[in-house]
């Protein structure tokens, strides 16, 4: 199950992604928001990030205007590796090398077609492990030290 959420700036993009999931039979849980009414993005980023950290969702996708704010907020949750992505290459690389478990997208930055390509690439790419796992382990040690 994929956890998905957004603020008002990413609402329309989240809906497009959900429709794609429904067409493909991909299960998801929507953590809101549920309209274009102005909201505070950290609340929705936290809901998705916590669901991933608690393994309620295998991964997460969060949309806002740029993808940046929600990525900053989501990365405050230990165990979450959120990446703001605006191209297919970065989507692949952030999964292969960083094992990103939350994808952050900006509705005002990318169009719907590109967003769907990014989501597909990210979901279908596997983590390479090896030397990259060593680096993930170092990030985990940083979390242990500073996220108390």
C-alpha atoms as a PDB file:
ATOM      1  CA  UNK A   1       0.000   0.000   0.000  1.00  0.00           C
ATOM      2  CA  UNK A   2       1.267   3.459  -0.921  1.00  0.00           C
ATOM      3  CA  UNK A   3       0.661   6.386   1.397  1.00  0.00           C
ATOM      4  CA  UNK A   4      -0.197   9.578  -0.456  1.00  0.00           C
ATOM      5  CA  UNK A   5      -0.901  13.112   0.666  1.00  0.00           C
ATOM      6  CA  UNK A   6      -0.700  16.749  -0.318  1.00  0.00           C
ATOM      7  CA  UNK A   7      -1.388  20.314   0.621  1.00  0.00           C
ATOM      8  CA  UNK A   8      -3.616  22.644  -1.378  1.00  0.00           C
ATOM      9  CA  UNK A   9      -0.795  23.390  -3.837  1.00  0.00           C
ATOM     10  CA  UNK A  10      -0.494  19.728  -4.776  1.00  0.00           C
ATOM     11  CA  UNK A  11      -4.118  18.629  -4.522  1.00  0.00           C
ATOM     12  CA  UNK A  12      -4.800  18.363  -8.253  1.00  0.00           C
ATOM     13  CA  UNK A  13      -1.592  16.416  -8.889  1.00  0.00           C
ATOM     14  CA  UNK A  14      -2.394  14.013  -6.050  1.00  0.00           C
ATOM     15  CA  UNK A  15      -5.781  13.344  -7.621  1.00  0.00           C
ATOM     16  CA  UNK A  16      -4.157  12.574 -10.994  1.00  0.00           C
ATOM     17  CA  UNK A  17      -1.767  10.124  -9.329  1.00  0.00           C
ATOM     18  CA  UNK A  18      -4.626   8.460  -7.435  1.00  0.00           C
ATOM     19  CA  UNK A  19      -6.562   8.020 -10.678  1.00  0.00           C
ATOM     20  CA  UNK A  20      -3.511   6.378 -12.251  1.00  0.00           C
ATOM     21  CA  UNK A  21      -3.216   4.056  -9.239  1.00  0.00           C
ATOM     22  CA  UNK A  22      -6.871   3.088  -9.539  1.00  0.00           C
ATOM     23  CA  UNK A  23      -6.461   2.323 -13.246  1.00  0.00           C
ATOM     24  CA  UNK A  24      -3.433   0.125 -12.470  1.00  0.00           C
ATOM     25  CA  UNK A  25      -4.939  -1.579  -9.422  1.00  0.00           C
ATOM     26  CA  UNK A  26      -2.356  -0.065  -7.071  1.00  0.00           C
ATOM     27  CA  UNK A  27      -3.566   0.187  -3.473  1.00  0.00           C
ATOM     28  CA  UNK A  28      -3.093   3.476  -1.679  1.00  0.00           C
ATOM     29  CA  UNK A  29      -4.247   5.390   1.381  1.00  0.00           C
ATOM     30  CA  UNK A  30      -4.976   9.088   1.024  1.00  0.00           C
ATOM     31  CA  UNK A  31      -3.858  11.161   4.025  1.00  0.00           C
ATOM     32  CA  UNK A  32      -5.365  14.393   2.660  1.00  0.00           C
ATOM     33  CA  UNK A  33      -5.853  17.206   2.109  1.00  0.00           C
ATOM     34  CA  UNK A  34      -9.105  16.709   0.262  1.00  0.00           C
ATOM     35  CA  UNK A  35      -9.578  20.093  -1.444  1.00  0.00           C
ATOM     36  CA  UNK A  36      -7.746  23.142  -2.774  1.00  0.00           C
ATOM     37  CA  UNK A  37      -8.519  25.106   0.395  1.00  0.00           C
ATOM     38  CA  UNK A  38      -5.335  26.499   1.966  1.00  0.00           C
ATOM     39  CA  UNK A  39      -3.774  24.223   4.597  1.00  0.00           C
ATOM     40  CA  UNK A  40      -0.434  23.841   6.387  1.00  0.00           C
ATOM     41  CA  UNK A  41       1.701  21.340   4.452  1.00  0.00           C
ATOM     42  CA  UNK A  42       3.727  20.005   7.420  1.00  0.00           C
ATOM     43  CA  UNK A  43       0.616  18.268   8.807  1.00  0.00           C
ATOM     44  CA  UNK A  44       0.157  16.212   5.640  1.00  0.00           C
ATOM     45  CA  UNK A  45       3.850  15.542   5.155  1.00  0.00           C
ATOM     46  CA  UNK A  46       3.982  14.259   8.739  1.00  0.00           C
ATOM     47  CA  UNK A  47       0.994  11.968   8.244  1.00  0.00           C
ATOM     48  CA  UNK A  48       2.530  10.324   5.173  1.00  0.00           C
ATOM     49  CA  UNK A  49       6.041  10.190   6.665  1.00  0.00           C
ATOM     50  CA  UNK A  50       4.824   8.588   9.885  1.00  0.00           C
ATOM     51  CA  UNK A  51       2.840   6.002   7.942  1.00  0.00           C
ATOM     52  CA  UNK A  52       6.007   5.026   6.066  1.00  0.00           C
ATOM     53  CA  UNK A  53       8.204   5.067   9.188  1.00  0.00           C
ATOM     54  CA  UNK A  54       5.641   2.892  10.997  1.00  0.00           C
ATOM     55  CA  UNK A  55       5.451   0.570   7.950  1.00  0.00           C
ATOM     56  CA  UNK A  56       1.727   1.187   7.436  1.00  0.00           C
ATOM     57  CA  UNK A  57       2.643   2.143   3.883  1.00  0.00           C
ATOM     58  CA  UNK A  58       5.480   0.549   1.923  1.00  0.00           C
ATOM     59  CA  UNK A  59       6.369   3.998   0.559  1.00  0.00           C
ATOM     60  CA  UNK A  60       4.878   7.458   0.290  1.00  0.00           C
ATOM     61  CA  UNK A  61       4.182  10.218  -2.197  1.00  0.00           C
ATOM     62  CA  UNK A  62       3.560  13.804  -1.130  1.00  0.00           C
ATOM     63  CA  UNK A  63       2.601  16.675  -3.447  1.00  0.00           C
ATOM     64  CA  UNK A  64       2.772  20.400  -2.813  1.00  0.00           C
ATOM     65  CA  UNK A  65       3.512  23.421  -4.962  1.00  0.00           C
ATOM     66  CA  UNK A  66       7.234  22.679  -5.338  1.00  0.00           C
ATOM     67  CA  UNK A  67       7.837  19.381  -3.524  1.00  0.00           C
ATOM     68  CA  UNK A  68      10.454  21.119  -1.407  1.00  0.00           C
ATOM     69  CA  UNK A  69       8.476  22.058   1.707  1.00  0.00           C
ATOM     70  CA  UNK A  70       6.952  18.619   2.123  1.00  0.00           C
ATOM     71  CA  UNK A  71      10.357  16.968   1.623  1.00  0.00           C
ATOM     72  CA  UNK A  72      11.905  19.122   4.345  1.00  0.00           C
ATOM     73  CA  UNK A  73       9.042  18.290   6.721  1.00  0.00           C
ATOM     74  CA  UNK A  74       8.954  14.563   5.913  1.00  0.00           C
ATOM     75  CA  UNK A  75      12.707  14.230   6.445  1.00  0.00           C
ATOM     76  CA  UNK A  76      12.276  15.216  10.091  1.00  0.00           C
ATOM     77  CA  UNK A  77      10.769  11.757  10.754  1.00  0.00           C
ATOM     78  CA  UNK A  78      13.502   9.222  11.577  1.00  0.00           C
ATOM     79  CA  UNK A  79      13.684   6.466   8.989  1.00  0.00           C
ATOM     80  CA  UNK A  80      12.210   8.593   6.222  1.00  0.00           C
ATOM     81  CA  UNK A  81      14.302   9.436   3.194  1.00  0.00           C
ATOM     82  CA  UNK A  82      12.173  11.905   1.248  1.00  0.00           C
ATOM     83  CA  UNK A  83      13.342  13.301  -2.078  1.00  0.00           C
ATOM     84  CA  UNK A  84      11.934  16.210  -4.052  1.00  0.00           C
ATOM     85  CA  UNK A  85      12.121  15.077  -7.678  1.00  0.00           C
ATOM     86  CA  UNK A  86      11.346  16.883 -10.937  1.00  0.00           C
ATOM     87  CA  UNK A  87      12.778  14.512 -13.561  1.00  0.00           C
ATOM     88  CA  UNK A  88      12.818  10.799 -14.390  1.00  0.00           C
ATOM     89  CA  UNK A  89      16.590  10.359 -13.977  1.00  0.00           C
ATOM     90  CA  UNK A  90      16.471  11.708 -10.405  1.00  0.00           C
ATOM     91  CA  UNK A  91      13.501   9.471  -9.619  1.00  0.00           C
ATOM     92  CA  UNK A  92      15.522   6.419 -10.653  1.00  0.00           C
ATOM     93  CA  UNK A  93      18.728   7.562  -8.943  1.00  0.00           C
ATOM     94  CA  UNK A  94      17.083   8.477  -5.653  1.00  0.00           C
ATOM     95  CA  UNK A  95      15.671   4.946  -5.392  1.00  0.00           C
ATOM     96  CA  UNK A  96      18.785   3.133  -6.669  1.00  0.00           C
ATOM     97  CA  UNK A  97      21.295   5.056  -4.570  1.00  0.00           C
ATOM     98  CA  UNK A  98      19.384   6.616  -1.665  1.00  0.00           C
ATOM     99  CA  UNK A  99      16.579   4.073  -1.237  1.00  0.00           C
ATOM    100  CA  UNK A 100      14.196   7.027  -0.915  1.00  0.00           C
ATOM    101  CA  UNK A 101      10.956   5.857   0.644  1.00  0.00           C
ATOM    102  CA  UNK A 102       8.994   9.079   0.110  1.00  0.00           C
ATOM    103  CA  UNK A 103       8.711  10.822  -3.248  1.00  0.00           C
ATOM    104  CA  UNK A 104       7.895  14.549  -3.177  1.00  0.00           C
ATOM    105  CA  UNK A 105       6.478  16.260  -6.246  1.00  0.00           C
ATOM    106  CA  UNK A 106       5.729  19.889  -7.097  1.00  0.00           C
ATOM    107  CA  UNK A 107       2.495  20.575  -8.952  1.00  0.00           C
ATOM    108  CA  UNK A 108       3.753  24.023  -9.948  1.00  0.00           C
ATOM    109  CA  UNK A 109       7.051  22.579 -11.194  1.00  0.00           C
ATOM    110  CA  UNK A 110       6.063  19.569 -13.328  1.00  0.00           C
ATOM    111  CA  UNK A 111       3.090  18.691 -15.469  1.00  0.00           C
ATOM    112  CA  UNK A 112       0.790  15.739 -14.978  1.00  0.00           C
ATOM    113  CA  UNK A 113       2.368  13.618 -17.711  1.00  0.00           C
ATOM    114  CA  UNK A 114       5.878  14.030 -16.347  1.00  0.00           C
ATOM    115  CA  UNK A 115       4.646  13.417 -12.802  1.00  0.00           C
ATOM    116  CA  UNK A 116       3.166  10.066 -13.832  1.00  0.00           C
ATOM    117  CA  UNK A 117       6.412   9.076 -15.571  1.00  0.00           C
ATOM    118  CA  UNK A 118       8.364  10.014 -12.436  1.00  0.00           C
ATOM    119  CA  UNK A 119       6.029   8.026 -10.182  1.00  0.00           C
ATOM    120  CA  UNK A 120       6.211   4.948 -12.436  1.00  0.00           C
ATOM    121  CA  UNK A 121      10.009   5.107 -12.642  1.00  0.00           C
ATOM    122  CA  UNK A 122      10.358   5.553  -8.883  1.00  0.00           C
ATOM    123  CA  UNK A 123       7.967   2.738  -8.014  1.00  0.00           C
ATOM    124  CA  UNK A 124       9.591   0.320 -10.481  1.00  0.00           C
ATOM    125  CA  UNK A 125      13.220   1.003  -9.570  1.00  0.00           C
ATOM    126  CA  UNK A 126      15.007  -1.186  -7.039  1.00  0.00           C
ATOM    127  CA  UNK A 127      17.583  -0.118  -4.452  1.00  0.00           C
ATOM    128  CA  UNK A 128      21.069  -1.287  -5.467  1.00  0.00           C
ATOM    129  CA  UNK A 129      22.374  -1.835  -1.921  1.00  0.00           C
ATOM    130  CA  UNK A 130      26.112  -2.461  -1.583  1.00  0.00           C
ATOM    131  CA  UNK A 131      28.099   0.733  -1.133  1.00  0.00           C
ATOM    132  CA  UNK A 132      24.835   2.654  -1.121  1.00  0.00           C
ATOM    133  CA  UNK A 133      23.645   0.722   1.959  1.00  0.00           C
ATOM    134  CA  UNK A 134      26.798   1.848   3.760  1.00  0.00           C
ATOM    135  CA  UNK A 135      25.749   5.438   3.118  1.00  0.00           C
ATOM    136  CA  UNK A 136      22.183   4.812   4.254  1.00  0.00           C
ATOM    137  CA  UNK A 137      23.626   3.355   7.461  1.00  0.00           C
ATOM    138  CA  UNK A 138      25.616   6.563   7.992  1.00  0.00           C
ATOM    139  CA  UNK A 139      22.418   8.595   7.587  1.00  0.00           C
ATOM    140  CA  UNK A 140      20.732   6.347  10.170  1.00  0.00           C
ATOM    141  CA  UNK A 141      23.583   7.063  12.611  1.00  0.00           C
ATOM    142  CA  UNK A 142      23.048  10.796  12.059  1.00  0.00           C
ATOM    143  CA  UNK A 143      19.351  10.341  12.902  1.00  0.00           C
ATOM    144  CA  UNK A 144      20.250   8.444  16.077  1.00  0.00           C
ATOM    145  CA  UNK A 145      22.555  11.253  17.152  1.00  0.00           C
ATOM    146  CA  UNK A 146      20.387  14.260  16.313  1.00  0.00           C
ATOM    147  CA  UNK A 147      16.769  13.079  16.260  1.00  0.00           C
ATOM    148  CA  UNK A 148      16.035  12.634  19.933  1.00  0.00           C
END
